[in-house]
Amino acid sequence: MSEYDAVAIADVKELKNTKGRILAVDFGEVRTGLAICDASRFLASGIGNVKVGGIDKTAAEVARIAKEKGAVAAVVGLPRNMDGSEGARADRCRDFARRLAVAAEIPVAMTDERLTTVVASRYLNETDTRGGKRKNVIDSLSAEIILQNTLDRLKNMV
């Protein structure tokens, strides 16, 4: 049991009560993709990857970037299987989200990220992005898709 287990993860609905930029995170053990939206929450934009290694160092670096970019909240992708079940990867992302919430001192929600990597891969195939360049953008593009989906969801909430 970790000291972070008691840290609450926000519900996406709670982000509706915040005003300003939201940071999205596609957490990975090697590369963690990041995206941020404009203050009006209209458009998500990828801002690159973090490759520091280790869950604590990654949470600290993402928290630093969140502060630097003026993020008032964050959303972390929650990997689920196609049947909706969760595995060890989802537990690891949930642990990361809790650590980020503590480090950044902002609400952190999680959202289903099923198919975001598939959509990102299709886009990169259509734009003929290959090799090392593809590796460098796919995680950030996945975070951008996670964030844009979240922004669209927030707009449609009553």
N, C-alpha and C. Protein backbone atom coordinates (compact mmCIF):
# COMPACT_ATOMS: atom_id res chain seq x y z
N MET A 1 0.85 -1.18 0.00
CA MET A 1 0.00 0.00 0.00
C MET A 1 0.89 1.25 0.00
N SER A 2 0.60 2.16 -0.88
CA SER A 2 1.41 3.36 -1.04
C SER A 2 0.77 4.55 -0.32
N GLU A 3 1.61 5.53 -0.04
CA GLU A 3 1.10 6.74 0.61
C GLU A 3 0.13 7.50 -0.30
N TYR A 4 0.14 7.20 -1.57
CA TYR A 4 -0.70 7.90 -2.54
C TYR A 4 -2.09 7.26 -2.69
N ASP A 5 -2.27 6.07 -2.15
CA ASP A 5 -3.54 5.36 -2.30
C ASP A 5 -4.74 6.15 -1.79
N ALA A 6 -4.54 7.01 -0.81
CA ALA A 6 -5.64 7.79 -0.22
C ALA A 6 -5.93 9.07 -1.00
N VAL A 7 -5.08 9.40 -1.96
CA VAL A 7 -5.27 10.63 -2.75
C VAL A 7 -6.44 10.43 -3.71
N ALA A 8 -7.36 11.37 -3.69
CA ALA A 8 -8.55 11.26 -4.53
C ALA A 8 -8.24 11.66 -5.97
N ILE A 9 -8.77 10.88 -6.89
CA ILE A 9 -8.72 11.22 -8.30
C ILE A 9 -10.06 11.88 -8.61
N ALA A 10 -10.00 13.04 -9.24
CA ALA A 10 -11.22 13.80 -9.55
C ALA A 10 -12.04 13.09 -10.62
N ASP A 11 -13.32 13.35 -10.61
CA ASP A 11 -14.20 12.91 -11.69
C ASP A 11 -14.09 13.97 -12.79
N VAL A 12 -14.17 13.55 -14.05
CA VAL A 12 -14.07 14.51 -15.16
C VAL A 12 -15.09 15.64 -14.99
N LYS A 13 -16.27 15.33 -14.44
CA LYS A 13 -17.30 16.37 -14.23
C LYS A 13 -16.78 17.50 -13.35
N GLU A 14 -15.90 17.17 -12.40
CA GLU A 14 -15.34 18.19 -11.50
C GLU A 14 -14.47 19.21 -12.25
N LEU A 15 -13.91 18.82 -13.39
CA LEU A 15 -13.08 19.75 -14.16
C LEU A 15 -13.92 20.88 -14.74
N LYS A 16 -15.21 20.65 -14.87
CA LYS A 16 -16.13 21.67 -15.37
C LYS A 16 -16.13 22.88 -14.43
N ASN A 17 -15.86 22.65 -13.14
CA ASN A 17 -15.86 23.72 -12.15
C ASN A 17 -14.57 24.52 -12.12
N THR A 18 -13.59 24.14 -12.92
CA THR A 18 -12.33 24.88 -12.99
C THR A 18 -12.36 25.75 -14.24
N LYS A 19 -11.58 26.80 -14.22
CA LYS A 19 -11.47 27.69 -15.37
C LYS A 19 -10.01 27.81 -15.77
N GLY A 20 -9.73 27.61 -17.04
CA GLY A 20 -8.36 27.74 -17.52
C GLY A 20 -7.89 26.49 -18.24
N ARG A 21 -6.60 26.42 -18.39
CA ARG A 21 -5.97 25.37 -19.20
C ARG A 21 -5.95 24.02 -18.49
N ILE A 22 -6.17 22.98 -19.28
CA ILE A 22 -6.10 21.60 -18.79
C ILE A 22 -4.93 20.92 -19.50
N LEU A 23 -4.16 20.18 -18.73
CA LEU A 23 -3.05 19.39 -19.27
C LEU A 23 -3.50 17.95 -19.40
N ALA A 24 -3.18 17.31 -20.51
CA ALA A 24 -3.49 15.89 -20.69
C ALA A 24 -2.20 15.09 -20.71
N VAL A 25 -2.29 13.88 -20.15
CA VAL A 25 -1.12 13.02 -20.02
C VAL A 25 -1.43 11.63 -20.53
N ASP A 26 -0.60 11.15 -21.46
CA ASP A 26 -0.65 9.76 -21.88
C ASP A 26 0.59 9.11 -21.26
N PHE A 27 0.40 8.57 -20.03
CA PHE A 27 1.53 8.06 -19.25
C PHE A 27 2.08 6.78 -19.84
N GLY A 28 3.40 6.74 -19.94
CA GLY A 28 4.09 5.54 -20.40
C GLY A 28 5.36 5.34 -19.61
N GLU A 29 5.82 4.11 -19.55
CA GLU A 29 7.03 3.81 -18.78
C GLU A 29 8.28 4.42 -19.41
N VAL A 30 8.30 4.53 -20.74
CA VAL A 30 9.46 5.10 -21.43
C VAL A 30 9.19 6.56 -21.80
N ARG A 31 8.10 6.80 -22.51
CA ARG A 31 7.73 8.15 -22.94
C ARG A 31 6.34 8.47 -22.42
N THR A 32 6.16 9.70 -21.97
CA THR A 32 4.86 10.17 -21.52
C THR A 32 4.48 11.36 -22.38
N GLY A 33 3.39 11.22 -23.13
CA GLY A 33 2.95 12.28 -24.02
C GLY A 33 2.14 13.33 -23.29
N LEU A 34 2.29 14.58 -23.72
CA LEU A 34 1.60 15.70 -23.08
C LEU A 34 0.88 16.56 -24.12
N ALA A 35 -0.24 17.12 -23.70
CA ALA A 35 -0.99 18.07 -24.51
C ALA A 35 -1.62 19.08 -23.56
N ILE A 36 -1.89 20.26 -24.07
CA ILE A 36 -2.55 21.29 -23.26
C ILE A 36 -3.55 22.02 -24.14
N CYS A 37 -4.56 22.58 -23.50
CA CYS A 37 -5.55 23.34 -24.27
C CYS A 37 -5.37 24.83 -24.01
N ASP A 38 -6.03 25.61 -24.84
CA ASP A 38 -6.03 27.06 -24.64
C ASP A 38 -6.94 27.38 -23.44
N ALA A 39 -6.86 28.61 -22.95
CA ALA A 39 -7.61 29.00 -21.76
C ALA A 39 -9.12 28.90 -21.96
N SER A 40 -9.59 29.02 -23.21
CA SER A 40 -11.03 28.92 -23.48
C SER A 40 -11.49 27.48 -23.61
N ARG A 41 -10.54 26.56 -23.57
CA ARG A 41 -10.82 25.12 -23.67
C ARG A 41 -11.47 24.71 -24.99
N PHE A 42 -11.04 25.37 -26.04
CA PHE A 42 -11.58 25.06 -27.36
C PHE A 42 -10.73 24.02 -28.08
N LEU A 43 -9.41 24.13 -27.97
CA LEU A 43 -8.53 23.31 -28.80
C LEU A 43 -7.38 22.72 -27.99
N ALA A 44 -7.16 21.44 -28.17
CA ALA A 44 -6.03 20.73 -27.56
C ALA A 44 -4.84 20.77 -28.51
N SER A 45 -3.65 20.92 -27.94
CA SER A 45 -2.42 20.91 -28.74
C SER A 45 -1.37 20.06 -28.04
N GLY A 46 -0.74 19.19 -28.80
CA GLY A 46 0.35 18.39 -28.25
C GLY A 46 1.54 19.27 -27.93
N ILE A 47 2.21 18.99 -26.82
CA ILE A 47 3.38 19.80 -26.43
C ILE A 47 4.62 18.94 -26.23
N GLY A 48 4.59 17.69 -26.67
CA GLY A 48 5.78 16.87 -26.62
C GLY A 48 5.71 15.74 -25.62
N ASN A 49 6.88 15.21 -25.30
CA ASN A 49 7.01 14.04 -24.44
C ASN A 49 7.96 14.32 -23.28
N VAL A 50 7.80 13.53 -22.24
CA VAL A 50 8.71 13.53 -21.11
C VAL A 50 9.35 12.14 -21.09
N LYS A 51 10.68 12.09 -20.95
CA LYS A 51 11.40 10.81 -20.94
C LYS A 51 12.38 10.77 -19.77
N VAL A 52 11.90 11.01 -18.55
CA VAL A 52 12.81 11.05 -17.41
C VAL A 52 12.99 9.70 -16.75
N GLY A 53 12.03 8.81 -16.89
CA GLY A 53 12.14 7.47 -16.31
C GLY A 53 11.70 7.41 -14.87
N GLY A 54 10.89 6.42 -14.56
CA GLY A 54 10.40 6.24 -13.20
C GLY A 54 9.14 7.05 -12.95
N ILE A 55 8.24 6.48 -12.20
CA ILE A 55 6.94 7.10 -11.98
C ILE A 55 7.05 8.40 -11.18
N ASP A 56 7.92 8.43 -10.17
CA ASP A 56 8.06 9.64 -9.35
C ASP A 56 8.70 10.78 -10.12
N LYS A 57 9.78 10.49 -10.85
CA LYS A 57 10.44 11.53 -11.64
C LYS A 57 9.52 12.04 -12.74
N THR A 58 8.77 11.14 -13.34
CA THR A 58 7.84 11.56 -14.40
C THR A 58 6.74 12.44 -13.82
N ALA A 59 6.18 12.06 -12.67
CA ALA A 59 5.14 12.88 -12.03
C ALA A 59 5.68 14.26 -11.68
N ALA A 60 6.90 14.31 -11.16
CA ALA A 60 7.51 15.60 -10.80
C ALA A 60 7.73 16.48 -12.03
N GLU A 61 8.21 15.89 -13.10
CA GLU A 61 8.46 16.67 -14.33
C GLU A 61 7.15 17.14 -14.96
N VAL A 62 6.14 16.27 -14.99
CA VAL A 62 4.84 16.67 -15.55
C VAL A 62 4.22 17.76 -14.67
N ALA A 63 4.38 17.68 -13.36
CA ALA A 63 3.88 18.72 -12.45
C ALA A 63 4.58 20.04 -12.73
N ARG A 64 5.88 19.99 -12.96
CA ARG A 64 6.63 21.22 -13.27
C ARG A 64 6.11 21.86 -14.56
N ILE A 65 5.87 21.03 -15.56
CA ILE A 65 5.36 21.53 -16.84
C ILE A 65 3.95 22.08 -16.66
N ALA A 66 3.12 21.41 -15.86
CA ALA A 66 1.76 21.89 -15.61
C ALA A 66 1.80 23.29 -15.01
N LYS A 67 2.69 23.49 -14.05
CA LYS A 67 2.82 24.81 -13.42
C LYS A 67 3.34 25.84 -14.42
N GLU A 68 4.35 25.44 -15.18
CA GLU A 68 4.95 26.33 -16.18
C GLU A 68 3.91 26.78 -17.22
N LYS A 69 3.03 25.86 -17.61
CA LYS A 69 2.02 26.16 -18.64
C LYS A 69 0.75 26.77 -18.05
N GLY A 70 0.67 26.87 -16.73
CA GLY A 70 -0.51 27.46 -16.09
C GLY A 70 -1.74 26.57 -16.10
N ALA A 71 -1.51 25.26 -16.06
CA ALA A 71 -2.64 24.31 -16.04
C ALA A 71 -3.35 24.37 -14.69
N VAL A 72 -4.68 24.39 -14.72
CA VAL A 72 -5.48 24.42 -13.48
C VAL A 72 -6.02 23.03 -13.15
N ALA A 73 -5.86 22.11 -14.08
CA ALA A 73 -6.33 20.73 -13.90
C ALA A 73 -5.59 19.85 -14.90
N ALA A 74 -5.68 18.55 -14.68
CA ALA A 74 -5.06 17.59 -15.60
C ALA A 74 -5.97 16.40 -15.79
N VAL A 75 -5.79 15.75 -16.92
CA VAL A 75 -6.51 14.51 -17.21
C VAL A 75 -5.48 13.49 -17.69
N VAL A 76 -5.56 12.30 -17.11
CA VAL A 76 -4.64 11.22 -17.44
C VAL A 76 -5.44 10.12 -18.13
N GLY A 77 -4.91 9.60 -19.22
CA GLY A 77 -5.57 8.51 -19.93
C GLY A 77 -5.60 7.25 -19.10
N LEU A 78 -6.76 6.60 -19.08
CA LEU A 78 -6.95 5.35 -18.35
C LEU A 78 -7.07 4.21 -19.37
N PRO A 79 -6.05 3.37 -19.46
CA PRO A 79 -6.10 2.28 -20.44
C PRO A 79 -7.06 1.18 -19.99
N ARG A 80 -8.02 0.91 -20.82
CA ARG A 80 -8.98 -0.17 -20.54
C ARG A 80 -8.93 -1.13 -21.71
N ASN A 81 -9.28 -2.37 -21.42
CA ASN A 81 -9.40 -3.36 -22.48
C ASN A 81 -10.68 -3.07 -23.25
N MET A 82 -10.81 -3.65 -24.42
CA MET A 82 -11.97 -3.37 -25.26
C MET A 82 -13.28 -3.76 -24.59
N ASP A 83 -13.25 -4.72 -23.66
CA ASP A 83 -14.47 -5.12 -22.96
C ASP A 83 -14.75 -4.23 -21.74
N GLY A 84 -13.91 -3.20 -21.53
CA GLY A 84 -14.11 -2.28 -20.42
C GLY A 84 -13.36 -2.66 -19.15
N SER A 85 -12.80 -3.86 -19.11
CA SER A 85 -12.07 -4.28 -17.92
C SER A 85 -10.73 -3.54 -17.84
N GLU A 86 -10.14 -3.61 -16.66
CA GLU A 86 -8.86 -2.95 -16.44
C GLU A 86 -7.82 -3.97 -16.02
N GLY A 87 -6.58 -3.70 -16.37
CA GLY A 87 -5.48 -4.58 -15.99
C GLY A 87 -4.43 -3.83 -15.18
N ALA A 88 -3.25 -4.39 -15.11
CA ALA A 88 -2.16 -3.81 -14.33
C ALA A 88 -1.77 -2.44 -14.85
N ARG A 89 -1.85 -2.26 -16.14
CA ARG A 89 -1.49 -0.95 -16.75
C ARG A 89 -2.41 0.15 -16.23
N ALA A 90 -3.69 -0.14 -16.07
CA ALA A 90 -4.64 0.85 -15.54
C ALA A 90 -4.29 1.21 -14.10
N ASP A 91 -3.90 0.21 -13.31
CA ASP A 91 -3.49 0.46 -11.92
C ASP A 91 -2.27 1.38 -11.88
N ARG A 92 -1.34 1.14 -12.78
CA ARG A 92 -0.11 1.96 -12.83
C ARG A 92 -0.45 3.40 -13.22
N CYS A 93 -1.35 3.59 -14.17
CA CYS A 93 -1.75 4.94 -14.57
C CYS A 93 -2.52 5.65 -13.45
N ARG A 94 -3.32 4.90 -12.71
CA ARG A 94 -4.05 5.47 -11.57
C ARG A 94 -3.05 5.92 -10.50
N ASP A 95 -2.03 5.11 -10.26
CA ASP A 95 -0.98 5.47 -9.30
C ASP A 95 -0.28 6.74 -9.76
N PHE A 96 0.03 6.82 -11.04
CA PHE A 96 0.67 8.02 -11.59
C PHE A 96 -0.23 9.24 -11.40
N ALA A 97 -1.52 9.10 -11.67
CA ALA A 97 -2.46 10.23 -11.54
C ALA A 97 -2.47 10.76 -10.10
N ARG A 98 -2.45 9.87 -9.14
CA ARG A 98 -2.42 10.29 -7.73
C ARG A 98 -1.13 11.04 -7.41
N ARG A 99 -0.03 10.53 -7.88
CA ARG A 99 1.27 11.18 -7.65
C ARG A 99 1.30 12.56 -8.31
N LEU A 100 0.73 12.66 -9.50
CA LEU A 100 0.67 13.94 -10.20
C LEU A 100 -0.20 14.94 -9.43
N ALA A 101 -1.32 14.47 -8.91
CA ALA A 101 -2.22 15.36 -8.15
C ALA A 101 -1.49 15.96 -6.94
N VAL A 102 -0.69 15.15 -6.27
CA VAL A 102 0.06 15.63 -5.11
C VAL A 102 1.16 16.60 -5.57
N ALA A 103 1.92 16.21 -6.58
CA ALA A 103 3.06 17.01 -7.04
C ALA A 103 2.62 18.35 -7.65
N ALA A 104 1.54 18.33 -8.41
CA ALA A 104 1.10 19.54 -9.12
C ALA A 104 0.13 20.39 -8.31
N GLU A 105 -0.48 19.78 -7.31
CA GLU A 105 -1.47 20.46 -6.47
C GLU A 105 -2.64 21.02 -7.29
N ILE A 106 -3.09 20.20 -8.24
CA ILE A 106 -4.27 20.52 -9.06
C ILE A 106 -5.14 19.27 -9.14
N PRO A 107 -6.44 19.45 -9.45
CA PRO A 107 -7.27 18.26 -9.62
C PRO A 107 -6.81 17.45 -10.84
N VAL A 108 -6.77 16.14 -10.67
CA VAL A 108 -6.38 15.25 -11.76
C VAL A 108 -7.49 14.22 -11.93
N ALA A 109 -8.05 14.18 -13.13
CA ALA A 109 -9.10 13.21 -13.47
C ALA A 109 -8.51 12.17 -14.41
N MET A 110 -9.24 11.09 -14.58
CA MET A 110 -8.84 10.06 -15.53
C MET A 110 -9.97 9.85 -16.51
N THR A 111 -9.60 9.53 -17.75
CA THR A 111 -10.61 9.28 -18.76
C THR A 111 -10.18 8.10 -19.63
N ASP A 112 -11.16 7.38 -20.09
CA ASP A 112 -10.94 6.20 -20.94
C ASP A 112 -10.14 6.59 -22.17
N GLU A 113 -9.05 5.87 -22.38
CA GLU A 113 -8.22 6.19 -23.54
C GLU A 113 -8.26 5.10 -24.61
N ARG A 114 -9.26 4.21 -24.53
CA ARG A 114 -9.35 3.15 -25.53
C ARG A 114 -9.34 3.76 -26.93
N LEU A 115 -8.57 3.15 -27.79
CA LEU A 115 -8.47 3.48 -29.21
C LEU A 115 -7.73 4.78 -29.52
N THR A 116 -7.26 5.54 -28.51
CA THR A 116 -6.55 6.78 -28.85
C THR A 116 -5.27 6.49 -29.61
N THR A 117 -4.54 5.44 -29.23
CA THR A 117 -3.31 5.11 -29.93
C THR A 117 -3.63 4.62 -31.34
N VAL A 118 -4.75 3.92 -31.50
CA VAL A 118 -5.16 3.46 -32.83
C VAL A 118 -5.46 4.66 -33.72
N VAL A 119 -6.20 5.63 -33.19
CA VAL A 119 -6.53 6.84 -33.95
C VAL A 119 -5.25 7.60 -34.28
N ALA A 120 -4.35 7.74 -33.31
CA ALA A 120 -3.09 8.44 -33.54
C ALA A 120 -2.27 7.72 -34.61
N SER A 121 -2.23 6.39 -34.56
CA SER A 121 -1.48 5.62 -35.56
C SER A 121 -2.06 5.81 -36.96
N ARG A 122 -3.37 5.79 -37.05
CA ARG A 122 -4.01 5.99 -38.37
C ARG A 122 -3.66 7.37 -38.94
N TYR A 123 -3.71 8.38 -38.06
CA TYR A 123 -3.38 9.73 -38.51
C TYR A 123 -1.93 9.78 -39.00
N LEU A 124 -1.02 9.18 -38.25
CA LEU A 124 0.39 9.19 -38.64
C LEU A 124 0.61 8.38 -39.91
N ASN A 125 -0.17 7.32 -40.13
CA ASN A 125 -0.09 6.58 -41.39
C ASN A 125 -0.54 7.45 -42.55
N GLU A 126 -1.64 8.18 -42.34
CA GLU A 126 -2.17 9.04 -43.40
C GLU A 126 -1.21 10.18 -43.75
N THR A 127 -0.45 10.64 -42.76
CA THR A 127 0.50 11.72 -43.01
C THR A 127 1.90 11.19 -43.33
N ASP A 128 1.99 9.86 -43.48
CA ASP A 128 3.24 9.18 -43.83
C ASP A 128 4.38 9.52 -42.86
N THR A 129 4.04 9.56 -41.57
CA THR A 129 5.04 9.81 -40.54
C THR A 129 5.60 8.47 -40.10
N ARG A 130 6.90 8.30 -40.27
CA ARG A 130 7.54 7.00 -40.03
C ARG A 130 8.76 7.12 -39.13
N GLY A 131 9.25 5.98 -38.68
CA GLY A 131 10.51 5.86 -37.96
C GLY A 131 10.57 6.63 -36.66
N GLY A 132 11.74 7.23 -36.42
CA GLY A 132 11.99 7.95 -35.19
C GLY A 132 11.04 9.12 -34.97
N LYS A 133 10.68 9.78 -36.07
CA LYS A 133 9.76 10.90 -35.96
C LYS A 133 8.41 10.43 -35.42
N ARG A 134 7.98 9.27 -35.87
CA ARG A 134 6.70 8.70 -35.42
C ARG A 134 6.74 8.43 -33.92
N LYS A 135 7.84 7.82 -33.46
CA LYS A 135 8.00 7.52 -32.03
C LYS A 135 7.93 8.79 -31.20
N ASN A 136 8.48 9.87 -31.73
CA ASN A 136 8.53 11.12 -30.98
C ASN A 136 7.19 11.85 -30.91
N VAL A 137 6.27 11.54 -31.79
CA VAL A 137 5.00 12.28 -31.79
C VAL A 137 3.78 11.47 -31.37
N ILE A 138 3.84 10.15 -31.41
CA ILE A 138 2.63 9.35 -31.18
C ILE A 138 2.07 9.53 -29.77
N ASP A 139 2.93 9.62 -28.76
CA ASP A 139 2.44 9.77 -27.39
C ASP A 139 1.82 11.15 -27.16
N SER A 140 2.45 12.17 -27.72
CA SER A 140 1.91 13.52 -27.60
C SER A 140 0.58 13.63 -28.36
N LEU A 141 0.52 13.00 -29.53
CA LEU A 141 -0.72 12.99 -30.31
C LEU A 141 -1.82 12.24 -29.56
N SER A 142 -1.48 11.15 -28.91
CA SER A 142 -2.46 10.41 -28.10
C SER A 142 -2.97 11.29 -26.96
N ALA A 143 -2.09 12.03 -26.30
CA ALA A 143 -2.50 12.96 -25.23
C ALA A 143 -3.41 14.04 -25.79
N GLU A 144 -3.10 14.51 -26.99
CA GLU A 144 -3.93 15.53 -27.64
C GLU A 144 -5.35 14.99 -27.90
N ILE A 145 -5.44 13.75 -28.34
CA ILE A 145 -6.74 13.13 -28.60
C ILE A 145 -7.50 12.95 -27.28
N ILE A 146 -6.81 12.49 -26.23
CA ILE A 146 -7.42 12.34 -24.92
C ILE A 146 -7.99 13.68 -24.46
N LEU A 147 -7.21 14.73 -24.62
CA LEU A 147 -7.64 16.06 -24.16
C LEU A 147 -8.79 16.59 -25.00
N GLN A 148 -8.71 16.45 -26.32
CA GLN A 148 -9.80 16.97 -27.15
C GLN A 148 -11.10 16.23 -26.86
N ASN A 149 -11.01 14.92 -26.65
CA ASN A 149 -12.21 14.17 -26.26
C ASN A 149 -12.78 14.68 -24.94
N THR A 150 -11.90 14.97 -23.99
CA THR A 150 -12.33 15.49 -22.69
C THR A 150 -12.96 16.87 -22.84
N LEU A 151 -12.35 17.74 -23.63
CA LEU A 151 -12.90 19.09 -23.85
C LEU A 151 -14.29 19.00 -24.47
N ASP A 152 -14.44 18.13 -25.46
CA ASP A 152 -15.75 17.96 -26.12
C ASP A 152 -16.77 17.44 -25.13
N ARG A 153 -16.34 16.52 -24.28
CA ARG A 153 -17.25 15.97 -23.26
C ARG A 153 -17.68 17.06 -22.26
N LEU A 154 -16.72 17.88 -21.85
CA LEU A 154 -17.04 18.96 -20.89
C LEU A 154 -18.02 19.97 -21.50
N LYS A 155 -17.84 20.27 -22.78
CA LYS A 155 -18.75 21.22 -23.46
C LYS A 155 -20.18 20.70 -23.49
N ASN A 156 -20.33 19.38 -23.60
CA ASN A 156 -21.65 18.80 -23.72
C ASN A 156 -22.30 18.44 -22.39
N MET A 157 -21.58 18.68 -21.28
CA MET A 157 -22.15 18.42 -19.96
C MET A 157 -23.07 19.56 -19.56
N VAL A 158 -24.17 19.19 -18.92
CA VAL A 158 -25.12 20.21 -18.47
C VAL A 158 -24.78 20.63 -17.06
